[in-house]
Amino acid sequence: MHTKEELCEKIKAVFPEIGACGIDLMVDYDESNKAWVVDLKKDQHELKTFLEDSEAQQCMDGKQCVSLGLQIGQLRKNIEQL
């Protein structure tokens, strides 16, 4: 399993439009759900998504970050509509 810092940096590499880790992008492991929580914030907008371990591993391996990409797209859409 990867660290939250490794996953955060990978997400930033795949989606460079995201801000800094720990500021606009928070990543943490939720033991109760056995999944990674990815929390995106931009101004007053916030979206959270869960990445299963297998999804996070695929993203880390550079194979796919589909569910995360959809969430980031939704956040950008919400911000652009202002």
C-alpha atoms as a PDB file:
ATOM      1  CA  MET A   1       0.000   0.000   0.000  1.00  0.00           C
ATOM      2  CA  HIS A   2       1.173   3.506  -0.769  1.00  0.00           C
ATOM      3  CA  THR A   3       1.352   6.504   1.534  1.00  0.00           C
ATOM      4  CA  LYS A   4      -1.072   9.384   1.283  1.00  0.00           C
ATOM      5  CA  GLU A   5       1.804  11.627   0.183  1.00  0.00           C
ATOM      6  CA  GLU A   6       2.658   9.278  -2.702  1.00  0.00           C
ATOM      7  CA  LEU A   7      -0.960   9.110  -3.816  1.00  0.00           C
ATOM      8  CA  CYS A   8      -1.359  12.881  -3.530  1.00  0.00           C
ATOM      9  CA  GLU A   9       1.735  13.505  -5.656  1.00  0.00           C
ATOM     10  CA  LYS A  10       0.550  10.984  -8.258  1.00  0.00           C
ATOM     11  CA  ILE A  11      -2.848  12.690  -8.484  1.00  0.00           C
ATOM     12  CA  LYS A  12      -1.114  16.051  -8.963  1.00  0.00           C
ATOM     13  CA  ALA A  13       1.080  14.553 -11.685  1.00  0.00           C
ATOM     14  CA  VAL A  14      -1.947  13.170 -13.542  1.00  0.00           C
ATOM     15  CA  PHE A  15      -4.076  16.297 -12.963  1.00  0.00           C
ATOM     16  CA  PRO A  16      -1.677  19.272 -12.873  1.00  0.00           C
ATOM     17  CA  GLU A  17      -4.564  21.750 -12.641  1.00  0.00           C
ATOM     18  CA  ILE A  18      -5.063  20.721  -9.004  1.00  0.00           C
ATOM     19  CA  GLY A  19      -3.482  22.905  -6.342  1.00  0.00           C
ATOM     20  CA  ALA A  20      -1.038  21.962  -3.619  1.00  0.00           C
ATOM     21  CA  CYS A  21      -1.259  18.812  -1.540  1.00  0.00           C
ATOM     22  CA  GLY A  22      -2.642  19.640   1.881  1.00  0.00           C
ATOM     23  CA  ILE A  23      -4.295  22.830   0.661  1.00  0.00           C
ATOM     24  CA  ASP A  24      -6.618  22.153  -2.299  1.00  0.00           C
ATOM     25  CA  LEU A  25      -6.108  18.403  -2.288  1.00  0.00           C
ATOM     26  CA  MET A  26      -6.321  16.224   0.797  1.00  0.00           C
ATOM     27  CA  VAL A  27      -5.761  12.487   0.665  1.00  0.00           C
ATOM     28  CA  ASP A  28      -6.253  10.176   3.610  1.00  0.00           C
ATOM     29  CA  TYR A  29      -7.037   6.529   4.240  1.00  0.00           C
ATOM     30  CA  ASP A  30     -10.442   5.776   5.772  1.00  0.00           C
ATOM     31  CA  GLU A  31     -10.055   2.601   7.828  1.00  0.00           C
ATOM     32  CA  SER A  32     -13.821   2.164   8.324  1.00  0.00           C
ATOM     33  CA  ASN A  33     -14.476   2.178   4.566  1.00  0.00           C
ATOM     34  CA  LYS A  34     -11.158   0.548   3.627  1.00  0.00           C
ATOM     35  CA  ALA A  35     -10.729   3.185   0.923  1.00  0.00           C
ATOM     36  CA  TRP A  36      -8.783   6.352   0.180  1.00  0.00           C
ATOM     37  CA  VAL A  37     -10.657   9.635   0.634  1.00  0.00           C
ATOM     38  CA  VAL A  38      -9.705  12.274  -1.921  1.00  0.00           C
ATOM     39  CA  ASP A  39     -10.991  15.712  -0.923  1.00  0.00           C
ATOM     40  CA  LEU A  40     -10.805  18.476  -3.537  1.00  0.00           C
ATOM     41  CA  LYS A  41     -11.382  22.107  -2.578  1.00  0.00           C
ATOM     42  CA  LYS A  42     -11.416  25.245  -4.681  1.00  0.00           C
ATOM     43  CA  ASP A  43     -12.688  28.462  -3.111  1.00  0.00           C
ATOM     44  CA  GLN A  44     -16.061  27.562  -1.545  1.00  0.00           C
ATOM     45  CA  HIS A  45     -16.464  24.376  -3.604  1.00  0.00           C
ATOM     46  CA  GLU A  46     -15.591  20.976  -2.212  1.00  0.00           C
ATOM     47  CA  LEU A  47     -15.951  17.445  -3.520  1.00  0.00           C
ATOM     48  CA  LYS A  48     -14.988  14.204  -1.848  1.00  0.00           C
ATOM     49  CA  THR A  49     -14.575  10.877  -3.536  1.00  0.00           C
ATOM     50  CA  PHE A  50     -13.497   7.469  -2.376  1.00  0.00           C
ATOM     51  CA  LEU A  51     -10.898   5.373  -4.163  1.00  0.00           C
ATOM     52  CA  GLU A  52     -10.867   1.683  -3.427  1.00  0.00           C
ATOM     53  CA  ASP A  53      -7.411   0.225  -2.823  1.00  0.00           C
ATOM     54  CA  SER A  54      -7.493  -1.411  -6.264  1.00  0.00           C
ATOM     55  CA  GLU A  55      -8.408   1.903  -7.947  1.00  0.00           C
ATOM     56  CA  ALA A  56      -5.672   3.739  -6.068  1.00  0.00           C
ATOM     57  CA  GLN A  57      -3.174   1.047  -7.077  1.00  0.00           C
ATOM     58  CA  GLN A  58      -4.196   1.313 -10.748  1.00  0.00           C
ATOM     59  CA  CYS A  59      -3.807   5.081 -10.553  1.00  0.00           C
ATOM     60  CA  MET A  60      -0.374   4.717  -8.936  1.00  0.00           C
ATOM     61  CA  ASP A  61       0.620   2.257 -11.672  1.00  0.00           C
ATOM     62  CA  GLY A  62      -0.366   4.833 -14.317  1.00  0.00           C
ATOM     63  CA  LYS A  63      -3.127   2.624 -15.698  1.00  0.00           C
ATOM     64  CA  GLN A  64      -6.220   4.638 -14.903  1.00  0.00           C
ATOM     65  CA  CYS A  65      -7.626   7.247 -12.551  1.00  0.00           C
ATOM     66  CA  VAL A  66     -11.140   7.262 -14.019  1.00  0.00           C
ATOM     67  CA  SER A  67     -13.348   7.892 -10.973  1.00  0.00           C
ATOM     68  CA  LEU A  68     -11.007  10.584  -9.733  1.00  0.00           C
ATOM     69  CA  GLY A  69     -10.913  12.196 -13.175  1.00  0.00           C
ATOM     70  CA  LEU A  70     -14.713  12.387 -13.198  1.00  0.00           C
ATOM     71  CA  GLN A  71     -14.735  14.100  -9.794  1.00  0.00           C
ATOM     72  CA  ILE A  72     -12.105  16.623 -10.869  1.00  0.00           C
ATOM     73  CA  GLY A  73     -14.081  17.333 -14.034  1.00  0.00           C
ATOM     74  CA  GLN A  74     -17.206  17.953 -11.945  1.00  0.00           C
ATOM     75  CA  LEU A  75     -15.357  20.320  -9.620  1.00  0.00           C
ATOM     76  CA  ARG A  76     -14.004  22.317 -12.573  1.00  0.00           C
ATOM     77  CA  LYS A  77     -17.498  22.456 -14.102  1.00  0.00           C
ATOM     78  CA  ASN A  78     -18.966  23.758 -10.828  1.00  0.00           C
ATOM     79  CA  ILE A  79     -16.312  26.477 -10.577  1.00  0.00           C
ATOM     80  CA  GLU A  80     -16.688  27.546 -14.210  1.00  0.00           C
ATOM     81  CA  GLN A  81     -20.459  27.982 -13.762  1.00  0.00           C
ATOM     82  CA  LEU A  82     -19.954  30.800 -11.248  1.00  0.00           C
END
